[in-house]
C-alpha atoms as a PDB file:
ATOM      1  CA  MET A   1      10.040  19.926  56.241  1.00  0.00           C
ATOM      2  CA  SER A   2      11.194  18.600  52.819  1.00  0.00           C
ATOM      3  CA  VAL A   3      11.673  22.143  51.424  1.00  0.00           C
ATOM      4  CA  ASN A   4      13.613  23.177  54.530  1.00  0.00           C
ATOM      5  CA  ASN A   5      15.818  20.063  54.360  1.00  0.00           C
ATOM      6  CA  SER A   6      16.356  19.679  50.619  1.00  0.00           C
ATOM      7  CA  LEU A   7      16.098  23.203  49.138  1.00  0.00           C
ATOM      8  CA  TYR A   8      17.395  25.270  52.020  1.00  0.00           C
ATOM      9  CA  CYS A   9      19.701  23.137  54.339  1.00  0.00           C
ATOM     10  CA  ASP A  10      21.360  21.068  51.632  1.00  0.00           C
ATOM     11  CA  PRO A  11      22.749  24.020  49.567  1.00  0.00           C
ATOM     12  CA  VAL A  12      23.851  25.793  52.734  1.00  0.00           C
ATOM     13  CA  MET A  13      25.604  22.556  53.890  1.00  0.00           C
ATOM     14  CA  ARG A  14      27.326  22.133  50.501  1.00  0.00           C
ATOM     15  CA  TYR A  15      28.288  25.726  49.659  1.00  0.00           C
ATOM     16  CA  ALA A  16      28.370  28.038  52.626  1.00  0.00           C
ATOM     17  CA  SER A  17      31.467  28.936  54.580  1.00  0.00           C
ATOM     18  CA  HIS A  18      31.982  27.531  58.049  1.00  0.00           C
ATOM     19  CA  GLU A  19      30.838  30.819  59.648  1.00  0.00           C
ATOM     20  CA  GLN A  20      27.674  30.872  57.450  1.00  0.00           C
ATOM     21  CA  LYS A  21      26.864  27.309  58.409  1.00  0.00           C
ATOM     22  CA  LEU A  22      26.897  28.173  62.107  1.00  0.00           C
ATOM     23  CA  LYS A  23      24.349  30.962  61.544  1.00  0.00           C
ATOM     24  CA  TRP A  24      22.357  29.721  58.589  1.00  0.00           C
ATOM     25  CA  LEU A  25      22.457  25.951  58.929  1.00  0.00           C
ATOM     26  CA  VAL A  26      22.618  24.689  62.550  1.00  0.00           C
ATOM     27  CA  PRO A  27      19.321  26.202  63.804  1.00  0.00           C
ATOM     28  CA  PHE A  28      17.538  25.178  60.569  1.00  0.00           C
ATOM     29  CA  ALA A  29      18.880  21.606  60.569  1.00  0.00           C
ATOM     30  CA  SER A  30      17.923  21.230  64.245  1.00  0.00           C
ATOM     31  CA  GLY A  31      14.295  22.269  63.515  1.00  0.00           C
ATOM     32  CA  GLU A  32      14.560  25.415  65.680  1.00  0.00           C
ATOM     33  CA  LYS A  33      14.054  27.509  62.472  1.00  0.00           C
ATOM     34  CA  LEU A  34      12.524  26.994  59.088  1.00  0.00           C
ATOM     35  CA  GLY A  35      14.003  28.020  55.677  1.00  0.00           C
ATOM     36  CA  CYS A  36      12.580  28.472  52.138  1.00  0.00           C
ATOM     37  CA  PHE A  37      14.037  28.709  48.659  1.00  0.00           C
ATOM     38  CA  GLY A  38      13.329  31.548  46.301  1.00  0.00           C
ATOM     39  CA  LEU A  39      13.742  30.748  42.571  1.00  0.00           C
ATOM     40  CA  SER A  40      10.392  31.115  40.814  1.00  0.00           C
ATOM     41  CA  GLU A  41       9.313  34.518  39.557  1.00  0.00           C
ATOM     42  CA  PRO A  42       6.119  36.009  38.039  1.00  0.00           C
ATOM     43  CA  GLY A  43       6.446  35.636  34.345  1.00  0.00           C
ATOM     44  CA  ASN A  44       9.485  33.450  34.442  1.00  0.00           C
ATOM     45  CA  GLY A  45       8.287  30.484  36.541  1.00  0.00           C
ATOM     46  CA  SER A  46      11.270  28.333  37.602  1.00  0.00           C
ATOM     47  CA  ASP A  47      13.401  29.200  34.532  1.00  0.00           C
ATOM     48  CA  ALA A  48      16.556  30.138  36.410  1.00  0.00           C
ATOM     49  CA  ALA A  49      18.304  31.571  33.383  1.00  0.00           C
ATOM     50  CA  ALA A  50      15.466  34.085  32.931  1.00  0.00           C
ATOM     51  CA  ALA A  51      15.666  35.417  36.543  1.00  0.00           C
ATOM     52  CA  SER A  52      14.937  39.116  36.696  1.00  0.00           C
ATOM     53  CA  THR A  53      15.811  39.506  40.387  1.00  0.00           C
ATOM     54  CA  THR A  54      19.214  41.146  40.511  1.00  0.00           C
ATOM     55  CA  ALA A  55      21.993  41.436  43.073  1.00  0.00           C
ATOM     56  CA  THR A  56      24.509  44.246  42.959  1.00  0.00           C
ATOM     57  CA  LEU A  57      27.486  44.802  45.217  1.00  0.00           C
ATOM     58  CA  ASP A  58      27.176  48.136  47.039  1.00  0.00           C
ATOM     59  CA  GLY A  59      30.379  48.641  48.965  1.00  0.00           C
ATOM     60  CA  ASP A  60      30.713  45.421  50.981  1.00  0.00           C
ATOM     61  CA  ALA A  61      26.900  44.623  50.962  1.00  0.00           C
ATOM     62  CA  TRP A  62      24.888  42.796  48.275  1.00  0.00           C
ATOM     63  CA  VAL A  63      21.658  44.507  47.448  1.00  0.00           C
ATOM     64  CA  LEU A  64      18.869  42.316  45.967  1.00  0.00           C
ATOM     65  CA  GLU A  65      15.993  43.750  43.878  1.00  0.00           C
ATOM     66  CA  GLY A  66      13.101  41.807  42.482  1.00  0.00           C
ATOM     67  CA  THR A  67      10.038  39.697  43.183  1.00  0.00           C
ATOM     68  CA  LYS A  68       9.734  35.957  43.709  1.00  0.00           C
ATOM     69  CA  ALA A  69       6.487  33.838  43.534  1.00  0.00           C
ATOM     70  CA  TRP A  70       5.104  30.514  44.702  1.00  0.00           C
ATOM     71  CA  ILE A  71       7.646  29.970  47.512  1.00  0.00           C
ATOM     72  CA  THR A  72       6.840  27.100  49.812  1.00  0.00           C
ATOM     73  CA  ASN A  73       7.216  28.083  53.542  1.00  0.00           C
ATOM     74  CA  ALA A  74       7.421  31.809  52.611  1.00  0.00           C
ATOM     75  CA  HIS A  75       5.094  32.899  55.420  1.00  0.00           C
ATOM     76  CA  ASP A  76       6.613  30.656  58.097  1.00  0.00           C
ATOM     77  CA  ALA A  77      10.384  30.841  57.206  1.00  0.00           C
ATOM     78  CA  HIS A  78      12.987  32.550  59.308  1.00  0.00           C
ATOM     79  CA  ALA A  79      15.279  32.884  56.290  1.00  0.00           C
ATOM     80  CA  ALA A  80      15.433  32.329  52.521  1.00  0.00           C
ATOM     81  CA  ILE A  81      17.860  31.356  49.905  1.00  0.00           C
ATOM     82  CA  VAL A  82      17.102  33.744  47.078  1.00  0.00           C
ATOM     83  CA  ILE A  83      18.484  33.235  43.578  1.00  0.00           C
ATOM     84  CA  ALA A  84      19.509  36.385  41.855  1.00  0.00           C
ATOM     85  CA  THR A  85      21.377  37.470  38.692  1.00  0.00           C
ATOM     86  CA  THR A  86      24.866  38.912  39.439  1.00  0.00           C
ATOM     87  CA  ASP A  87      26.100  38.870  35.822  1.00  0.00           C
ATOM     88  CA  LYS A  88      23.493  38.964  33.071  1.00  0.00           C
ATOM     89  CA  SER A  89      26.121  38.394  30.314  1.00  0.00           C
ATOM     90  CA  LEU A  90      26.844  34.897  31.756  1.00  0.00           C
ATOM     91  CA  LYS A  91      23.157  33.840  31.502  1.00  0.00           C
ATOM     92  CA  HIS A  92      22.537  30.878  33.868  1.00  0.00           C
ATOM     93  CA  LYS A  93      26.219  30.905  35.034  1.00  0.00           C
ATOM     94  CA  GLY A  94      25.639  34.421  36.249  1.00  0.00           C
ATOM     95  CA  LEU A  95      23.294  33.429  38.994  1.00  0.00           C
ATOM     96  CA  SER A  96      24.171  33.526  42.710  1.00  0.00           C
ATOM     97  CA  ALA A  97      22.489  32.271  45.859  1.00  0.00           C
ATOM     98  CA  PHE A  98      21.974  34.714  48.721  1.00  0.00           C
ATOM     99  CA  LEU A  99      20.885  34.099  52.336  1.00  0.00           C
ATOM    100  CA  VAL A 100      18.295  36.665  53.474  1.00  0.00           C
ATOM    101  CA  GLU A 101      16.858  36.797  56.919  1.00  0.00           C
ATOM    102  CA  ALA A 102      13.116  37.259  57.275  1.00  0.00           C
ATOM    103  CA  GLY A 103      12.391  40.740  58.430  1.00  0.00           C
ATOM    104  CA  THR A 104      15.331  42.289  56.690  1.00  0.00           C
ATOM    105  CA  PRO A 105      14.337  45.831  55.623  1.00  0.00           C
ATOM    106  CA  GLY A 106      13.020  45.662  52.073  1.00  0.00           C
ATOM    107  CA  PHE A 107      12.186  41.956  52.287  1.00  0.00           C
ATOM    108  CA  SER A 108       8.384  41.631  52.460  1.00  0.00           C
ATOM    109  CA  LEU A 109       5.761  38.992  51.700  1.00  0.00           C
ATOM    110  CA  GLY A 110       2.895  39.129  49.243  1.00  0.00           C
ATOM    111  CA  LYS A 111      -0.387  37.474  49.877  1.00  0.00           C
ATOM    112  CA  LYS A 112      -0.539  33.939  51.190  1.00  0.00           C
ATOM    113  CA  GLU A 113      -1.881  31.603  48.492  1.00  0.00           C
ATOM    114  CA  ASP A 114      -5.094  29.853  49.204  1.00  0.00           C
ATOM    115  CA  LYS A 115      -4.101  26.390  47.853  1.00  0.00           C
ATOM    116  CA  LEU A 116      -6.293  23.508  46.883  1.00  0.00           C
ATOM    117  CA  GLY A 117      -3.981  20.948  48.518  1.00  0.00           C
ATOM    118  CA  ILE A 118      -0.711  20.610  50.463  1.00  0.00           C
ATOM    119  CA  ARG A 119      -2.027  23.078  53.030  1.00  0.00           C
ATOM    120  CA  ALA A 120       0.364  22.116  55.834  1.00  0.00           C
ATOM    121  CA  SER A 121       2.955  24.606  54.495  1.00  0.00           C
ATOM    122  CA  SER A 122       2.388  28.192  53.370  1.00  0.00           C
ATOM    123  CA  THR A 123       3.010  29.372  49.793  1.00  0.00           C
ATOM    124  CA  GLY A 124       3.603  32.992  49.070  1.00  0.00           C
ATOM    125  CA  ALA A 125       5.758  35.536  47.340  1.00  0.00           C
ATOM    126  CA  PRO A 126       8.708  37.159  49.122  1.00  0.00           C
ATOM    127  CA  ARG A 127       9.576  40.376  47.407  1.00  0.00           C
ATOM    128  CA  GLY A 128      11.147  43.709  47.743  1.00  0.00           C
ATOM    129  CA  SER A 129       8.676  46.273  49.092  1.00  0.00           C
ATOM    130  CA  GLN A 130       6.963  47.724  46.024  1.00  0.00           C
ATOM    131  CA  GLY A 131      10.078  47.219  43.933  1.00  0.00           C
ATOM    132  CA  GLY A 132      12.312  47.943  46.942  1.00  0.00           C
ATOM    133  CA  LYS A 133      15.593  46.450  47.819  1.00  0.00           C
ATOM    134  CA  ALA A 134      16.842  43.998  50.484  1.00  0.00           C
ATOM    135  CA  GLN A 135      20.373  43.059  51.608  1.00  0.00           C
ATOM    136  CA  GLY A 136      21.549  39.423  51.516  1.00  0.00           C
ATOM    137  CA  GLU A 137      24.713  37.463  52.280  1.00  0.00           C
ATOM    138  CA  ARG A 138      26.212  35.706  49.301  1.00  0.00           C
ATOM    139  CA  ALA A 139      26.595  31.992  49.856  1.00  0.00           C
END
């Protein structure tokens, strides 16, 4: 529950619009749903400024493309906050957070990690299907 409460619910509570909070916070804060946080990437670890996952605006929809790794709750979560680069020229200030619902076309999970400890929560890798794309809502 700590990932859901601290890395998912807290940023939604602080930065989402009122409408987003109704959809993306209330059921997660009540325990009805579980969230996860996608920052780490293969090859980059948790170096946010090196994020290779990108988000581009296509009409009125944001399209995310990339792969994340080592995401706690990945296989149990109903939604994820995904960190993606929206403006590479701004380096770490060009990052944005997106809310992506599990099951969104293009949003898939890699293998569930067989961990040595902390086995009460799943760890895995949400990713675009074979380099595919998924839509997210900018928070």
